[in-house]
Amino acid sequence: WRDLLAFLEEQNVSNDALGPISDAEAA
């Protein structure tokens, strides 16, 4: 799964920047 996530990031398919902001991140 880590390899797949890294591949998705490298291919600009998905990454953390495309997700919603969590309460922990806002804090």
PDB file of all heavy atoms in Angstrom:
ATOM      1  N   TRP A   1       0.839  -1.204   0.000  1.00  0.00           N
ATOM      2  CA  TRP A   1       0.000   0.000   0.000  1.00  0.00           C
ATOM      3  C   TRP A   1       0.872   1.252   0.000  1.00  0.00           C
ATOM      4  O   TRP A   1       0.560   2.240  -0.679  1.00  0.00           O
ATOM      5  CB  TRP A   1      -0.939  -0.002   1.201  1.00  0.00           C
ATOM      6  CG  TRP A   1      -2.183  -0.799   0.978  1.00  0.00           C
ATOM      7  CD1 TRP A   1      -2.465  -2.029   1.478  1.00  0.00           C
ATOM      8  CD2 TRP A   1      -3.319  -0.428   0.183  1.00  0.00           C
ATOM      9  NE1 TRP A   1      -3.710  -2.462   1.061  1.00  0.00           N
ATOM     10  CE2 TRP A   1      -4.251  -1.492   0.258  1.00  0.00           C
ATOM     11  CE3 TRP A   1      -3.635   0.685  -0.580  1.00  0.00           C
ATOM     12  CZ2 TRP A   1      -5.476  -1.456  -0.408  1.00  0.00           C
ATOM     13  CZ3 TRP A   1      -4.855   0.728  -1.245  1.00  0.00           C
ATOM     14  CH2 TRP A   1      -5.755  -0.335  -1.151  1.00  0.00           C
ATOM     15  N   ARG A   2       1.962   1.234   0.761  1.00  0.00           N
ATOM     16  CA  ARG A   2       2.851   2.397   0.768  1.00  0.00           C
ATOM     17  C   ARG A   2       3.426   2.642  -0.616  1.00  0.00           C
ATOM     18  O   ARG A   2       3.527   3.791  -1.067  1.00  0.00           O
ATOM     19  CB  ARG A   2       3.982   2.208   1.784  1.00  0.00           C
ATOM     20  CG  ARG A   2       3.508   2.167   3.233  1.00  0.00           C
ATOM     21  CD  ARG A   2       4.661   2.445   4.193  1.00  0.00           C
ATOM     22  NE  ARG A   2       5.745   1.493   4.056  1.00  0.00           N
ATOM     23  CZ  ARG A   2       5.824   0.358   4.718  1.00  0.00           C
ATOM     24  NH1 ARG A   2       4.854  -0.013   5.557  1.00  0.00           N
ATOM     25  NH2 ARG A   2       6.856  -0.451   4.564  1.00  0.00           N
ATOM     26  N   ASP A   3       3.799   1.563  -1.298  1.00  0.00           N
ATOM     27  CA  ASP A   3       4.313   1.708  -2.665  1.00  0.00           C
ATOM     28  C   ASP A   3       3.249   2.278  -3.591  1.00  0.00           C
ATOM     29  O   ASP A   3       3.534   3.137  -4.437  1.00  0.00           O
ATOM     30  CB  ASP A   3       4.790   0.351  -3.186  1.00  0.00           C
ATOM     31  CG  ASP A   3       6.069  -0.125  -2.518  1.00  0.00           C
ATOM     32  OD1 ASP A   3       6.740   0.704  -1.877  1.00  0.00           O
ATOM     33  OD2 ASP A   3       6.381  -1.324  -2.623  1.00  0.00           O
ATOM     34  N   LEU A   4       2.013   1.789  -3.441  1.00  0.00           N
ATOM     35  CA  LEU A   4       0.928   2.293  -4.286  1.00  0.00           C
ATOM     36  C   LEU A   4       0.673   3.772  -4.010  1.00  0.00           C
ATOM     37  O   LEU A   4       0.513   4.572  -4.942  1.00  0.00           O
ATOM     38  CB  LEU A   4      -0.350   1.488  -4.053  1.00  0.00           C
ATOM     39  CG  LEU A   4      -1.602   1.998  -4.788  1.00  0.00           C
ATOM     40  CD1 LEU A   4      -1.400   1.936  -6.302  1.00  0.00           C
ATOM     41  CD2 LEU A   4      -2.835   1.214  -4.371  1.00  0.00           C
ATOM     42  N   LEU A   5       0.632   4.159  -2.734  1.00  0.00           N
ATOM     43  CA  LEU A   5       0.392   5.561  -2.394  1.00  0.00           C
ATOM     44  C   LEU A   5       1.488   6.449  -2.967  1.00  0.00           C
ATOM     45  O   LEU A   5       1.218   7.537  -3.495  1.00  0.00           O
ATOM     46  CB  LEU A   5       0.308   5.730  -0.881  1.00  0.00           C
ATOM     47  CG  LEU A   5      -0.851   5.017  -0.174  1.00  0.00           C
ATOM     48  CD1 LEU A   5      -0.802   5.288   1.320  1.00  0.00           C
ATOM     49  CD2 LEU A   5      -2.191   5.433  -0.747  1.00  0.00           C
ATOM     50  N   ALA A   6       2.740   6.003  -2.864  1.00  0.00           N
ATOM     51  CA  ALA A   6       3.849   6.782  -3.423  1.00  0.00           C
ATOM     52  C   ALA A   6       3.705   6.919  -4.930  1.00  0.00           C
ATOM     53  O   ALA A   6       3.954   7.991  -5.504  1.00  0.00           O
ATOM     54  CB  ALA A   6       5.182   6.119  -3.074  1.00  0.00           C
ATOM     55  N   PHE A   7       3.275   5.837  -5.595  1.00  0.00           N
ATOM     56  CA  PHE A   7       3.087   5.873  -7.047  1.00  0.00           C
ATOM     57  C   PHE A   7       1.971   6.847  -7.410  1.00  0.00           C
ATOM     58  O   PHE A   7       2.105   7.622  -8.363  1.00  0.00           O
ATOM     59  CB  PHE A   7       2.766   4.463  -7.555  1.00  0.00           C
ATOM     60  CG  PHE A   7       2.542   4.392  -9.042  1.00  0.00           C
ATOM     61  CD1 PHE A   7       3.607   4.489  -9.919  1.00  0.00           C
ATOM     62  CD2 PHE A   7       1.269   4.236  -9.562  1.00  0.00           C
ATOM     63  CE1 PHE A   7       3.410   4.426 -11.291  1.00  0.00           C
ATOM     64  CE2 PHE A   7       1.056   4.171 -10.932  1.00  0.00           C
ATOM     65  CZ  PHE A   7       2.137   4.270 -11.798  1.00  0.00           C
ATOM     66  N   LEU A   8       0.873   6.830  -6.661  1.00  0.00           N
ATOM     67  CA  LEU A   8      -0.234   7.755  -6.928  1.00  0.00           C
ATOM     68  C   LEU A   8       0.215   9.205  -6.772  1.00  0.00           C
ATOM     69  O   LEU A   8      -0.202  10.083  -7.537  1.00  0.00           O
ATOM     70  CB  LEU A   8      -1.406   7.467  -6.000  1.00  0.00           C
ATOM     71  CG  LEU A   8      -2.104   6.114  -6.181  1.00  0.00           C
ATOM     72  CD1 LEU A   8      -3.202   5.940  -5.136  1.00  0.00           C
ATOM     73  CD2 LEU A   8      -2.685   5.972  -7.584  1.00  0.00           C
ATOM     74  N   GLU A   9       1.072   9.457  -5.778  1.00  0.00           N
ATOM     75  CA  GLU A   9       1.600  10.804  -5.591  1.00  0.00           C
ATOM     76  C   GLU A   9       2.494  11.201  -6.762  1.00  0.00           C
ATOM     77  O   GLU A   9       2.383  12.305  -7.304  1.00  0.00           O
ATOM     78  CB  GLU A   9       2.384  10.881  -4.283  1.00  0.00           C
ATOM     79  CG  GLU A   9       1.514  10.738  -3.042  1.00  0.00           C
ATOM     80  CD  GLU A   9       2.343  10.526  -1.780  1.00  0.00           C
ATOM     81  OE1 GLU A   9       3.587  10.457  -1.903  1.00  0.00           O
ATOM     82  OE2 GLU A   9       1.751  10.429  -0.690  1.00  0.00           O
ATOM     83  N   GLU A  10       3.388  10.290  -7.154  1.00  0.00           N
ATOM     84  CA  GLU A  10       4.322  10.585  -8.245  1.00  0.00           C
ATOM     85  C   GLU A  10       3.603  10.834  -9.559  1.00  0.00           C
ATOM     86  O   GLU A  10       4.037  11.654 -10.375  1.00  0.00           O
ATOM     87  CB  GLU A  10       5.309   9.423  -8.409  1.00  0.00           C
ATOM     88  CG  GLU A  10       6.275   9.282  -7.235  1.00  0.00           C
ATOM     89  CD  GLU A  10       6.954   7.926  -7.228  1.00  0.00           C
ATOM     90  OE1 GLU A  10       6.646   7.097  -8.118  1.00  0.00           O
ATOM     91  OE2 GLU A  10       7.778   7.682  -6.331  1.00  0.00           O
ATOM     92  N   GLN A  11       2.493  10.124  -9.775  1.00  0.00           N
ATOM     93  CA  GLN A  11       1.736  10.257 -11.019  1.00  0.00           C
ATOM     94  C   GLN A  11       0.666  11.355 -10.945  1.00  0.00           C
ATOM     95  O   GLN A  11      -0.124  11.512 -11.864  1.00  0.00           O
ATOM     96  CB  GLN A  11       1.066   8.914 -11.358  1.00  0.00           C
ATOM     97  CG  GLN A  11       2.038   7.778 -11.584  1.00  0.00           C
ATOM     98  CD  GLN A  11       2.962   8.034 -12.748  1.00  0.00           C
ATOM     99  OE1 GLN A  11       2.525   8.415 -13.834  1.00  0.00           O
ATOM    100  NE2 GLN A  11       4.260   7.827 -12.545  1.00  0.00           N
ATOM    101  N   ASN A  12       0.651  12.103  -9.842  1.00  0.00           N
ATOM    102  CA  ASN A  12      -0.316  13.186  -9.641  1.00  0.00           C
ATOM    103  C   ASN A  12      -1.759  12.708  -9.714  1.00  0.00           C
ATOM    104  O   ASN A  12      -2.652  13.428 -10.183  1.00  0.00           O
ATOM    105  CB  ASN A  12      -0.089  14.306 -10.673  1.00  0.00           C
ATOM    106  CG  ASN A  12       1.257  14.973 -10.511  1.00  0.00           C
ATOM    107  OD1 ASN A  12       1.668  15.292  -9.407  1.00  0.00           O
ATOM    108  ND2 ASN A  12       1.958  15.153 -11.622  1.00  0.00           N
ATOM    109  N   VAL A  13      -1.980  11.479  -9.257  1.00  0.00           N
ATOM    110  CA  VAL A  13      -3.342  10.946  -9.205  1.00  0.00           C
ATOM    111  C   VAL A  13      -4.014  11.351  -7.899  1.00  0.00           C
ATOM    112  O   VAL A  13      -5.181  11.749  -7.875  1.00  0.00           O
ATOM    113  CB  VAL A  13      -3.336   9.407  -9.349  1.00  0.00           C
ATOM    114  CG1 VAL A  13      -4.745   8.830  -9.191  1.00  0.00           C
ATOM    115  CG2 VAL A  13      -2.751   9.011 -10.706  1.00  0.00           C
ATOM    116  N   SER A  14      -3.273  11.272  -6.794  1.00  0.00           N
ATOM    117  CA  SER A  14      -3.815  11.668  -5.497  1.00  0.00           C
ATOM    118  C   SER A  14      -2.684  11.924  -4.527  1.00  0.00           C
ATOM    119  O   SER A  14      -1.590  11.382  -4.668  1.00  0.00           O
ATOM    120  CB  SER A  14      -4.738  10.575  -4.941  1.00  0.00           C
ATOM    121  OG  SER A  14      -5.378  11.010  -3.757  1.00  0.00           O
ATOM    122  N   ASN A  15      -2.950  12.760  -3.550  1.00  0.00           N
ATOM    123  CA  ASN A  15      -2.016  12.988  -2.449  1.00  0.00           C
ATOM    124  C   ASN A  15      -2.752  13.691  -1.321  1.00  0.00           C
ATOM    125  O   ASN A  15      -3.916  14.059  -1.460  1.00  0.00           O
ATOM    126  CB  ASN A  15      -0.792  13.799  -2.914  1.00  0.00           C
ATOM    127  CG  ASN A  15      -1.178  15.135  -3.513  1.00  0.00           C
ATOM    128  OD1 ASN A  15      -1.827  15.959  -2.879  1.00  0.00           O
ATOM    129  ND2 ASN A  15      -0.781  15.344  -4.765  1.00  0.00           N
ATOM    130  N   ASP A  16      -2.060  13.893  -0.209  1.00  0.00           N
ATOM    131  CA  ASP A  16      -2.681  14.497   0.968  1.00  0.00           C
ATOM    132  C   ASP A  16      -3.190  15.905   0.703  1.00  0.00           C
ATOM    133  O   ASP A  16      -4.150  16.362   1.332  1.00  0.00           O
ATOM    134  CB  ASP A  16      -1.692  14.530   2.129  1.00  0.00           C
ATOM    135  CG  ASP A  16      -1.876  13.341   3.062  1.00  0.00           C
ATOM    136  OD1 ASP A  16      -2.911  12.681   2.981  1.00  0.00           O
ATOM    137  OD2 ASP A  16      -0.972  13.080   3.870  1.00  0.00           O
ATOM    138  N   ALA A  17      -2.549  16.607  -0.231  1.00  0.00           N
ATOM    139  CA  ALA A  17      -2.952  17.988  -0.486  1.00  0.00           C
ATOM    140  C   ALA A  17      -4.357  18.088  -1.058  1.00  0.00           C
ATOM    141  O   ALA A  17      -4.980  19.150  -1.013  1.00  0.00           O
ATOM    142  CB  ALA A  17      -1.954  18.650  -1.446  1.00  0.00           C
ATOM    143  N   LEU A  18      -4.873  16.984  -1.605  1.00  0.00           N
ATOM    144  CA  LEU A  18      -6.193  17.001  -2.214  1.00  0.00           C
ATOM    145  C   LEU A  18      -7.305  16.639  -1.236  1.00  0.00           C
ATOM    146  O   LEU A  18      -8.478  16.622  -1.606  1.00  0.00           O
ATOM    147  CB  LEU A  18      -6.229  16.024  -3.409  1.00  0.00           C
ATOM    148  CG  LEU A  18      -5.217  16.324  -4.512  1.00  0.00           C
ATOM    149  CD1 LEU A  18      -5.269  15.240  -5.581  1.00  0.00           C
ATOM    150  CD2 LEU A  18      -5.469  17.690  -5.120  1.00  0.00           C
ATOM    151  N   GLY A  19      -6.945  16.344   0.002  1.00  0.00           N
ATOM    152  CA  GLY A  19      -7.938  15.949   0.991  1.00  0.00           C
ATOM    153  C   GLY A  19      -8.447  17.133   1.798  1.00  0.00           C
ATOM    154  O   GLY A  19      -7.910  18.242   1.733  1.00  0.00           O
ATOM    155  N   PRO A  20      -9.494  16.920   2.586  1.00  0.00           N
ATOM    156  CA  PRO A  20     -10.025  17.981   3.441  1.00  0.00           C
ATOM    157  C   PRO A  20      -9.108  18.240   4.626  1.00  0.00           C
ATOM    158  O   PRO A  20      -8.288  17.403   4.993  1.00  0.00           O
ATOM    159  CB  PRO A  20     -11.376  17.407   3.900  1.00  0.00           C
ATOM    160  CG  PRO A  20     -11.169  15.926   3.881  1.00  0.00           C
ATOM    161  CD  PRO A  20     -10.255  15.656   2.718  1.00  0.00           C
ATOM    162  N   ILE A  21      -9.247  19.399   5.226  1.00  0.00           N
ATOM    163  CA  ILE A  21      -8.455  19.749   6.405  1.00  0.00           C
ATOM    164  C   ILE A  21      -9.097  19.135   7.634  1.00  0.00           C
ATOM    165  O   ILE A  21     -10.284  19.290   7.884  1.00  0.00           O
ATOM    166  CB  ILE A  21      -8.367  21.282   6.545  1.00  0.00           C
ATOM    167  CG1 ILE A  21      -7.612  21.875   5.361  1.00  0.00           C
ATOM    168  CG2 ILE A  21      -7.686  21.666   7.861  1.00  0.00           C
ATOM    169  CD1 ILE A  21      -7.598  23.388   5.332  1.00  0.00           C
ATOM    170  N   SER A  22      -8.277  18.433   8.412  1.00  0.00           N
ATOM    171  CA  SER A  22      -8.773  17.817   9.638  1.00  0.00           C
ATOM    172  C   SER A  22      -8.644  18.794  10.799  1.00  0.00           C
ATOM    173  O   SER A  22      -7.926  19.800  10.724  1.00  0.00           O
ATOM    174  CB  SER A  22      -7.983  16.542   9.945  1.00  0.00           C
ATOM    175  OG  SER A  22      -6.641  16.866  10.290  1.00  0.00           O
ATOM    176  N   ASP A  23      -9.331  18.485  11.903  1.00  0.00           N
ATOM    177  CA  ASP A  23      -9.211  19.315  13.097  1.00  0.00           C
ATOM    178  C   ASP A  23      -7.770  19.339  13.607  1.00  0.00           C
ATOM    179  O   ASP A  23      -7.268  20.376  14.047  1.00  0.00           O
ATOM    180  CB  ASP A  23     -10.132  18.784  14.206  1.00  0.00           C
ATOM    181  CG  ASP A  23     -11.595  19.089  13.932  1.00  0.00           C
ATOM    182  OD1 ASP A  23     -11.864  20.022  13.142  1.00  0.00           O
ATOM    183  OD2 ASP A  23     -12.461  18.407  14.492  1.00  0.00           O
ATOM    184  N   ALA A  24      -7.108  18.183  13.552  1.00  0.00           N
ATOM    185  CA  ALA A  24      -5.720  18.118  14.023  1.00  0.00           C
ATOM    186  C   ALA A  24      -4.814  19.008  13.174  1.00  0.00           C
ATOM    187  O   ALA A  24      -3.922  19.694  13.694  1.00  0.00           O
ATOM    188  CB  ALA A  24      -5.228  16.677  13.991  1.00  0.00           C
ATOM    189  N   GLU A  25      -5.035  19.010  11.855  1.00  0.00           N
ATOM    190  CA  GLU A  25      -4.221  19.852  10.971  1.00  0.00           C
ATOM    191  C   GLU A  25      -4.495  21.326  11.237  1.00  0.00           C
ATOM    192  O   GLU A  25      -3.574  22.148  11.269  1.00  0.00           O
ATOM    193  CB  GLU A  25      -4.502  19.500   9.518  1.00  0.00           C
ATOM    194  CG  GLU A  25      -3.955  18.142   9.115  1.00  0.00           C
ATOM    195  CD  GLU A  25      -4.523  17.637   7.806  1.00  0.00           C
ATOM    196  OE1 GLU A  25      -5.607  18.117   7.392  1.00  0.00           O
ATOM    197  OE2 GLU A  25      -3.903  16.750   7.192  1.00  0.00           O
ATOM    198  N   ALA A  26      -5.772  21.663  11.412  1.00  0.00           N
ATOM    199  CA  ALA A  26      -6.120  23.056  11.685  1.00  0.00           C
ATOM    200  C   ALA A  26      -5.495  23.534  12.994  1.00  0.00           C
ATOM    201  O   ALA A  26      -5.006  24.662  13.092  1.00  0.00           O
ATOM    202  CB  ALA A  26      -7.639  23.210  11.736  1.00  0.00           C
ATOM    203  N   ALA A  27      -5.492  22.661  14.001  1.00  0.00           N
ATOM    204  CA  ALA A  27      -4.926  23.022  15.301  1.00  0.00           C
ATOM    205  C   ALA A  27      -3.415  23.201  15.233  1.00  0.00           C
ATOM    206  O   ALA A  27      -2.821  23.849  16.098  1.00  0.00           O
ATOM    207  CB  ALA A  27      -5.277  21.957  16.341  1.00  0.00           C
TER     208      ALA A  27
END
